[in-house]
Protein backbone atom coordinates (compact mmCIF):
# COMPACT_ATOMS: atom_id res chain seq x y z
CA MET A 1 35.14 57.15 -41.83
CA PRO A 2 31.65 55.83 -40.96
CA VAL A 3 30.97 52.22 -41.82
CA THR A 4 28.13 52.30 -44.36
CA THR A 5 29.31 49.72 -46.87
CA PHE A 6 30.17 46.06 -46.59
CA LYS A 7 32.66 44.61 -49.07
CA PRO A 8 33.87 41.10 -48.17
CA LYS A 9 36.93 40.06 -50.13
CA THR A 10 38.05 36.63 -48.96
CA GLU A 11 36.02 33.42 -49.19
CA GLU A 12 35.77 33.29 -45.40
CA GLN A 13 34.36 36.81 -45.27
CA LYS A 14 31.81 35.95 -47.95
CA VAL A 15 30.66 32.89 -46.01
CA THR A 16 30.50 34.52 -42.56
CA ARG A 17 29.39 37.92 -43.91
CA THR A 18 31.85 39.57 -41.50
CA ILE A 19 35.09 41.48 -41.84
CA MET A 20 37.62 42.52 -39.23
CA ASP A 21 39.38 45.85 -39.38
CA THR A 22 41.06 48.56 -37.32
CA ILE A 23 39.60 51.96 -38.00
CA LEU A 24 40.23 55.53 -36.95
CA VAL A 25 37.16 57.17 -35.41
CA THR A 26 36.13 60.62 -34.28
CA PRO A 27 33.25 61.69 -32.04
CA ALA A 28 31.28 62.69 -35.15
CA ILE A 29 31.71 59.23 -36.67
CA VAL A 30 30.72 57.18 -33.62
CA LYS A 31 27.68 59.38 -33.00
CA LYS A 32 26.37 58.25 -36.39
CA TRP A 33 26.39 54.62 -35.30
CA GLN A 34 22.76 53.93 -34.50
CA ALA A 35 21.53 51.98 -31.49
CA PRO A 36 19.32 49.00 -32.39
CA PRO A 37 15.78 49.11 -30.92
CA PHE A 38 16.59 46.24 -28.55
CA GLN A 39 19.78 47.82 -27.16
CA ARG A 40 20.05 48.20 -23.40
CA PRO A 41 20.15 51.78 -22.03
CA VAL A 42 23.64 53.21 -21.55
CA LYS A 43 24.61 53.61 -17.91
CA GLU A 44 27.39 56.11 -17.32
CA ASN A 45 28.53 54.45 -14.11
CA ALA A 46 31.92 54.35 -12.38
CA LYS A 47 33.21 51.66 -14.75
CA VAL A 48 32.40 53.77 -17.80
CA MET A 49 34.08 56.81 -16.24
CA ALA A 50 37.17 54.73 -15.44
CA LEU A 51 37.23 53.46 -19.02
CA ALA A 52 37.14 57.05 -20.28
CA GLU A 53 40.25 57.81 -18.24
CA GLN A 54 41.92 54.66 -19.58
CA MET A 55 41.21 55.73 -23.16
CA LYS A 56 42.82 59.09 -22.46
CA ALA A 57 45.93 57.35 -21.13
CA ASP A 58 45.99 55.00 -24.14
CA THR A 59 45.71 57.91 -26.62
CA GLY A 60 42.25 56.92 -27.81
CA VAL A 61 42.69 53.16 -28.21
CA TRP A 62 39.47 51.27 -27.43
CA PRO A 63 39.78 47.96 -25.54
CA GLY A 64 38.40 44.77 -27.08
CA VAL A 65 36.53 44.35 -30.34
CA VAL A 66 33.42 46.38 -31.16
CA THR A 67 30.73 44.65 -33.23
CA LEU A 68 28.96 46.75 -35.85
CA GLY A 69 26.10 45.73 -38.08
CA VAL A 70 25.43 47.15 -41.53
CA PHE A 71 21.74 47.05 -42.44
CA ASN A 72 20.02 49.08 -45.18
CA LYS A 73 23.24 51.10 -45.63
CA GLU A 74 23.10 52.23 -42.00
CA THR A 75 25.62 51.29 -39.31
CA TYR A 76 24.39 49.92 -35.98
CA ILE A 77 26.48 49.35 -32.87
CA ILE A 78 25.52 45.86 -31.75
CA ASP A 79 28.13 45.49 -29.03
CA GLY A 80 30.28 48.29 -27.64
CA GLN A 81 27.89 51.10 -26.73
CA HIS A 82 29.44 51.64 -23.30
CA ARG A 83 32.89 51.90 -24.88
CA ARG A 84 31.48 54.49 -27.25
CA ALA A 85 30.02 56.39 -24.29
CA ALA A 86 33.43 56.33 -22.57
CA PHE A 87 35.12 57.63 -25.75
CA LEU A 88 32.67 60.54 -25.94
CA ILE A 89 33.12 61.30 -22.24
CA ALA A 90 36.89 61.36 -22.75
CA LYS A 91 36.42 64.13 -25.36
CA LEU A 92 39.24 62.85 -27.52
CA GLU A 93 39.54 64.14 -31.07
CA GLU A 94 40.19 60.68 -32.48
CA GLY A 95 40.56 57.07 -31.46
CA PHE A 96 41.41 53.63 -32.83
CA VAL A 97 38.96 50.74 -32.73
CA ASP A 98 39.20 47.06 -33.65
CA VAL A 99 35.84 46.37 -35.27
CA ARG A 100 33.99 43.30 -36.45
CA ILE A 101 31.61 44.45 -39.15
CA HIS A 102 28.66 42.15 -39.74
CA GLU A 103 26.36 42.24 -42.77
CA ILE A 104 22.85 42.08 -41.28
CA LYS A 105 19.73 41.11 -43.20
CA SER A 106 17.11 41.99 -40.54
CA PHE A 107 16.67 43.39 -37.05
CA ALA A 108 15.79 39.86 -35.94
CA GLU A 109 19.21 38.65 -37.04
CA MET A 110 20.81 41.66 -35.35
CA GLY A 111 19.01 40.87 -32.10
CA ASP A 112 20.11 37.25 -32.28
CA GLU A 113 23.72 38.37 -32.73
CA PHE A 114 23.39 40.72 -29.76
CA VAL A 115 22.14 37.91 -27.50
CA LYS A 116 24.92 35.55 -28.62
CA LEU A 117 27.62 38.14 -27.93
CA ASN A 118 26.34 39.21 -24.54
CA SER A 119 25.49 35.70 -23.40
CA GLN A 120 29.16 34.88 -23.85
CA LEU A 121 30.63 38.07 -22.40
CA VAL A 122 28.39 39.10 -19.52
CA LYS A 123 25.51 37.68 -17.57
CA MET A 124 22.29 38.94 -19.09
CA GLY A 125 18.98 39.16 -17.29
CA PRO A 126 15.87 37.46 -18.73
CA ASP A 127 14.50 40.77 -19.98
CA ASP A 128 17.78 41.60 -21.76
CA ILE A 129 17.48 38.33 -23.66
CA LEU A 130 13.79 38.85 -24.48
CA ARG A 131 14.46 42.37 -25.71
CA GLY A 132 17.15 41.08 -28.04
CA LEU A 133 14.86 38.42 -29.47
CA GLU A 134 11.72 40.55 -29.75
CA PRO A 135 12.32 41.35 -33.47
CA GLN A 136 11.89 37.66 -34.32
CA LEU A 137 9.09 36.78 -31.86
CA VAL A 138 5.72 38.08 -33.05
CA THR A 139 4.15 37.24 -29.68
CA LEU A 140 6.45 39.64 -27.83
CA GLN A 141 5.96 42.30 -30.49
CA THR A 142 2.18 41.99 -30.05
CA ILE A 143 2.35 42.31 -26.27
CA ARG A 144 4.53 45.42 -26.54
CA LYS A 145 2.24 46.96 -29.15
CA LEU A 146 -1.00 46.30 -27.27
CA CYS A 147 0.42 46.87 -23.78
CA PRO A 148 2.96 49.73 -23.84
CA TYR A 149 3.18 49.53 -20.05
CA VAL A 150 5.04 46.20 -20.41
CA GLY A 151 8.78 46.74 -20.86
CA TYR A 152 12.28 45.49 -20.26
CA ASP A 153 13.89 47.92 -17.80
CA SER A 154 13.24 50.81 -15.39
CA VAL A 155 10.10 49.05 -14.18
CA ARG A 156 7.93 51.14 -11.85
CA ARG A 157 10.45 53.99 -11.57
CA GLY A 158 8.15 56.81 -12.65
CA GLU A 159 4.94 57.73 -14.42
CA ASN A 160 6.23 57.01 -17.92
CA THR A 161 8.05 53.78 -17.13
CA PRO A 162 6.74 50.21 -17.58
CA MET A 163 4.62 48.81 -14.78
CA VAL A 164 5.65 45.20 -15.31
CA SER A 165 8.57 43.57 -17.08
CA MET A 166 8.03 41.27 -20.04
CA SER A 167 9.64 38.31 -18.28
CA VAL A 168 7.40 38.70 -15.22
CA ALA A 169 4.24 39.13 -17.29
CA ILE A 170 4.70 36.02 -19.41
CA ARG A 171 6.05 33.84 -16.59
CA CYS A 172 3.15 34.79 -14.30
CA TRP A 173 0.69 34.03 -17.10
CA ARG A 174 2.25 30.61 -17.70
CA GLY A 175 2.35 29.94 -13.96
CA SER A 176 -1.36 30.78 -13.66
CA SER A 177 -2.23 28.05 -16.19
CA GLN A 178 -1.18 25.33 -13.78
CA GLU A 179 -3.58 23.62 -11.37
CA VAL A 180 -1.56 25.07 -8.52
CA PRO A 181 -0.46 28.60 -9.50
CA SER A 182 3.29 28.75 -9.15
CA LYS A 183 6.49 29.70 -10.92
CA PRO A 184 6.64 27.86 -14.27
CA THR A 185 9.44 25.50 -15.09
CA GLY A 186 11.91 26.75 -17.66
CA SER A 187 13.31 30.18 -18.37
CA ALA A 188 11.51 33.29 -19.56
CA LEU A 189 12.98 32.59 -23.00
CA THR A 190 11.43 29.10 -23.02
CA VAL A 191 8.07 30.57 -22.07
CA ALA A 192 8.34 33.23 -24.77
CA MET A 193 9.22 30.68 -27.45
CA THR A 194 6.16 28.57 -26.60
CA LEU A 195 3.57 31.34 -26.20
CA LEU A 196 0.57 30.85 -28.44
CA HIS A 197 -1.28 33.71 -30.11
CA GLU A 198 -4.34 32.81 -28.01
CA ASP A 199 -2.20 33.14 -24.88
CA VAL A 200 -1.09 36.60 -25.98
CA GLY A 201 -4.65 37.79 -26.61
CA ASN A 202 -5.91 36.59 -23.23
CA LEU A 203 -2.86 37.90 -21.40
CA CYS A 204 -3.24 41.35 -22.97
CA GLU A 205 -6.94 41.45 -22.04
CA TYR A 206 -6.04 40.70 -18.43
CA LEU A 207 -3.26 43.30 -18.43
CA HIS A 208 -5.63 45.96 -19.77
CA LEU A 209 -8.02 45.27 -16.89
CA ALA A 210 -5.17 45.41 -14.37
CA MET A 211 -3.86 48.65 -15.84
CA ASN A 212 -7.31 50.24 -15.75
CA ALA A 213 -7.71 49.14 -12.13
CA TRP A 214 -4.29 50.07 -10.75
CA GLY A 215 -2.71 52.43 -13.26
CA HIS A 216 0.67 54.04 -12.63
CA ASP A 217 -0.17 55.07 -9.07
CA GLN A 218 2.82 54.41 -6.82
CA ALA A 219 0.47 53.44 -3.99
CA TYR A 220 -0.51 50.34 -5.98
CA TYR A 221 2.94 49.16 -7.04
CA ARG A 222 2.64 46.02 -4.89
CA MET A 223 -0.32 44.90 -6.99
CA TRP A 224 2.12 44.27 -9.84
CA GLY A 225 4.14 41.76 -7.83
CA THR A 226 4.36 38.13 -8.95
CA LEU A 227 2.19 36.76 -6.12
CA ASN A 228 -0.79 39.04 -6.75
CA LEU A 229 -0.43 38.90 -10.54
CA THR A 230 -0.27 35.11 -10.72
CA LEU A 231 -3.22 34.51 -8.40
CA THR A 232 -5.48 37.08 -10.08
CA MET A 233 -4.48 35.69 -13.49
CA TRP A 234 -5.46 32.24 -12.17
CA LEU A 235 -8.85 33.63 -11.17
CA TYR A 236 -9.22 35.36 -14.55
CA ARG A 237 -8.78 32.02 -16.28
CA HIS A 238 -11.41 30.42 -14.05
CA LEU A 239 -13.99 33.20 -13.77
CA VAL A 240 -13.81 35.01 -17.11
CA LEU A 241 -12.23 32.61 -19.59
CA GLU A 242 -13.64 29.52 -17.86
CA GLU A 243 -10.67 27.50 -19.07
CA LYS A 244 -10.99 25.06 -16.18
CA ARG A 245 -14.80 24.72 -16.26
CA VAL A 246 -15.07 25.05 -12.49
CA LYS A 247 -18.35 23.65 -11.20
CA ARG A 248 -20.75 26.04 -9.48
CA ALA A 249 -18.50 29.09 -9.87
CA THR A 250 -20.09 32.41 -10.78
CA ARG A 251 -19.28 33.65 -14.29
CA PHE A 252 -17.63 37.09 -14.28
CA THR A 253 -17.69 39.63 -17.08
CA LYS A 254 -14.49 41.51 -17.81
CA GLU A 255 -16.05 44.66 -16.36
CA LEU A 256 -16.92 42.89 -13.11
CA PHE A 257 -13.47 41.35 -12.88
CA GLN A 258 -11.89 44.80 -13.27
CA LYS A 259 -14.03 46.15 -10.42
CA CYS A 260 -12.80 43.30 -8.24
CA LEU A 261 -9.21 44.15 -9.11
CA MET A 262 -9.98 47.70 -7.99
CA ALA A 263 -11.35 46.30 -4.74
CA LEU A 264 -8.01 44.64 -4.05
CA SER A 265 -6.07 47.88 -4.43
CA ALA A 266 -8.65 49.76 -2.34
CA ASP A 267 -8.10 47.47 0.63
CA ALA A 268 -5.31 48.98 2.74
CA VAL A 269 -4.94 45.83 4.85
CA TYR A 270 -4.34 43.65 1.78
CA LEU A 271 -1.87 46.14 0.30
CA ASP A 272 0.07 46.21 3.56
CA TRP A 273 -0.02 42.41 3.83
CA LEU A 274 1.55 42.03 0.36
CA GLN A 275 4.80 43.65 1.52
CA GLY A 276 7.58 41.08 1.15
CA ARG A 277 5.26 38.23 0.13
CA GLN A 278 6.40 35.71 -2.49
CA LEU A 279 4.78 33.21 -4.82
CA GLY A 280 5.53 30.16 -2.71
CA GLU A 281 3.73 27.63 -0.56
CA ARG A 282 3.95 29.82 2.55
CA ASP A 283 2.19 32.89 1.11
CA ARG A 284 0.11 31.46 -1.77
CA ALA A 285 -2.84 30.08 0.21
CA PRO A 286 -3.18 33.06 2.61
CA ALA A 287 -3.05 35.42 -0.36
CA TYR A 288 -5.76 33.53 -2.22
CA THR A 289 -7.97 33.49 0.87
CA ARG A 290 -7.76 37.28 1.09
CA ILE A 291 -8.29 37.78 -2.65
CA LYS A 292 -11.25 35.40 -2.65
CA ALA A 293 -12.95 37.28 0.19
CA LEU A 294 -12.48 40.70 -1.45
CA PHE A 295 -13.66 39.44 -4.84
CA SER A 296 -16.72 37.78 -3.30
CA TYR A 297 -17.72 40.92 -1.42
CA ARG A 298 -17.32 43.32 -4.35
CA ALA A 299 -18.93 41.00 -6.90
CA GLY A 300 -21.80 40.35 -4.49
CA GLN A 301 -22.41 44.10 -4.22
CA GLU A 302 -22.44 44.46 -8.00
CA LEU A 303 -24.64 41.44 -8.74
CA GLY A 304 -26.90 41.61 -5.71
CA GLN A 305 -26.53 37.91 -5.07
CA LYS A 306 -24.25 35.38 -3.44
CA VAL A 307 -21.08 34.81 -5.42
CA LEU A 308 -19.49 31.40 -5.74
CA MET A 309 -15.71 31.51 -6.08
CA PRO A 310 -13.51 28.65 -7.33
CA ASP A 311 -12.43 26.25 -4.63
CA ALA A 312 -8.70 25.72 -4.66
CA SER A 313 -7.51 22.28 -3.60
CA TRP A 314 -4.18 23.80 -2.64
CA VAL A 315 -5.76 26.02 0.04
CA THR A 316 -6.09 24.35 3.43
CA HIS A 317 -8.02 25.92 6.27
C-alpha cells in the first residue's frame, strides 16, 4: 500500500516523527512516490543494472533502508531512488522494503534530511548539497528564479542545460570580491550561507550580461570557466558597481560592459588561450592583461575616447 498517512504510536516515534516498517510494494506503488524538487537525477548505470539482477535473485527484497517523507498527504522518496529504479528495471510484480517514514513539515526540512543522509552514506558534490538546501536558502532560490541558466548538474551539455553551476557562480562571485581575485576560502555551502541579498542582485545582473553576451553557443563554453568568470566579475565590481572606488578608472554602463564581454568571446586568440587555464597565480595575471586590452579597445571604440582600466597590483609586467 502507498504510504500516505503517518501514525506514530510509541513515545519515541512521536518525538522523532519517524516510524520504521517493512512493507510490500509493487511497481504501481513505488511509482507514486514523488521525487522532491532537489533530488539528483537517476542514473541507470552498471551499478543500478547489477542491483536489479540482485533483486531478482533475492525475490524482490530491497537492500538497506529506504527513507520516505510524508508531506501534505503525499509520499516523497528522500533516499532510495536508485533502488526504486533497479526494482522497476527488474520488472518484479512485488518486493519487500525496509522503510523509515519521516513526517515532514516543509520541503526545506526534507532537503535538510536528504543532505544529512547522503553526507553520511556517499560523497556528495558541492552542487548536490546546495540543491538539497535550496528550499531553505532564499538567496539560492532567487538566483535560480532570476537566472534559469544556473543549475546543479548537466552543465553545458546541450542547449537546454545550465551554463554554469550554482557552486561555481557563487564561489567565483565571492572570489571576485577580494583584492586579488582568487578562489574563496571555505566551501560552496559556507559561501551560500553568507550571501547577502545585495550580493545576489549584483551577481544576477552580471550573469544576465554574460548570458546575453555568450548565450548557449558551444563555441563560447570556455567563457564560463572559473578564470574568465572571476576576473570579469572583478572588473564588473570595479567598473560598473564601483565597489572599490578605483581612482582614474573609466565608469562603464551595464550596456558597455556587456559589449566588452562580447569582445572577449569574439577574439579567437583569447578563446584558444583559455584552454586549460586555471584561476591561479600562473594564469591570473596573463589572463587579466588580455582581458584588459580587449576591454580597453572595445570600450574606446564605443566611447570615442581613451579608456582607463583598473590597475591591478597583482599584475607584474
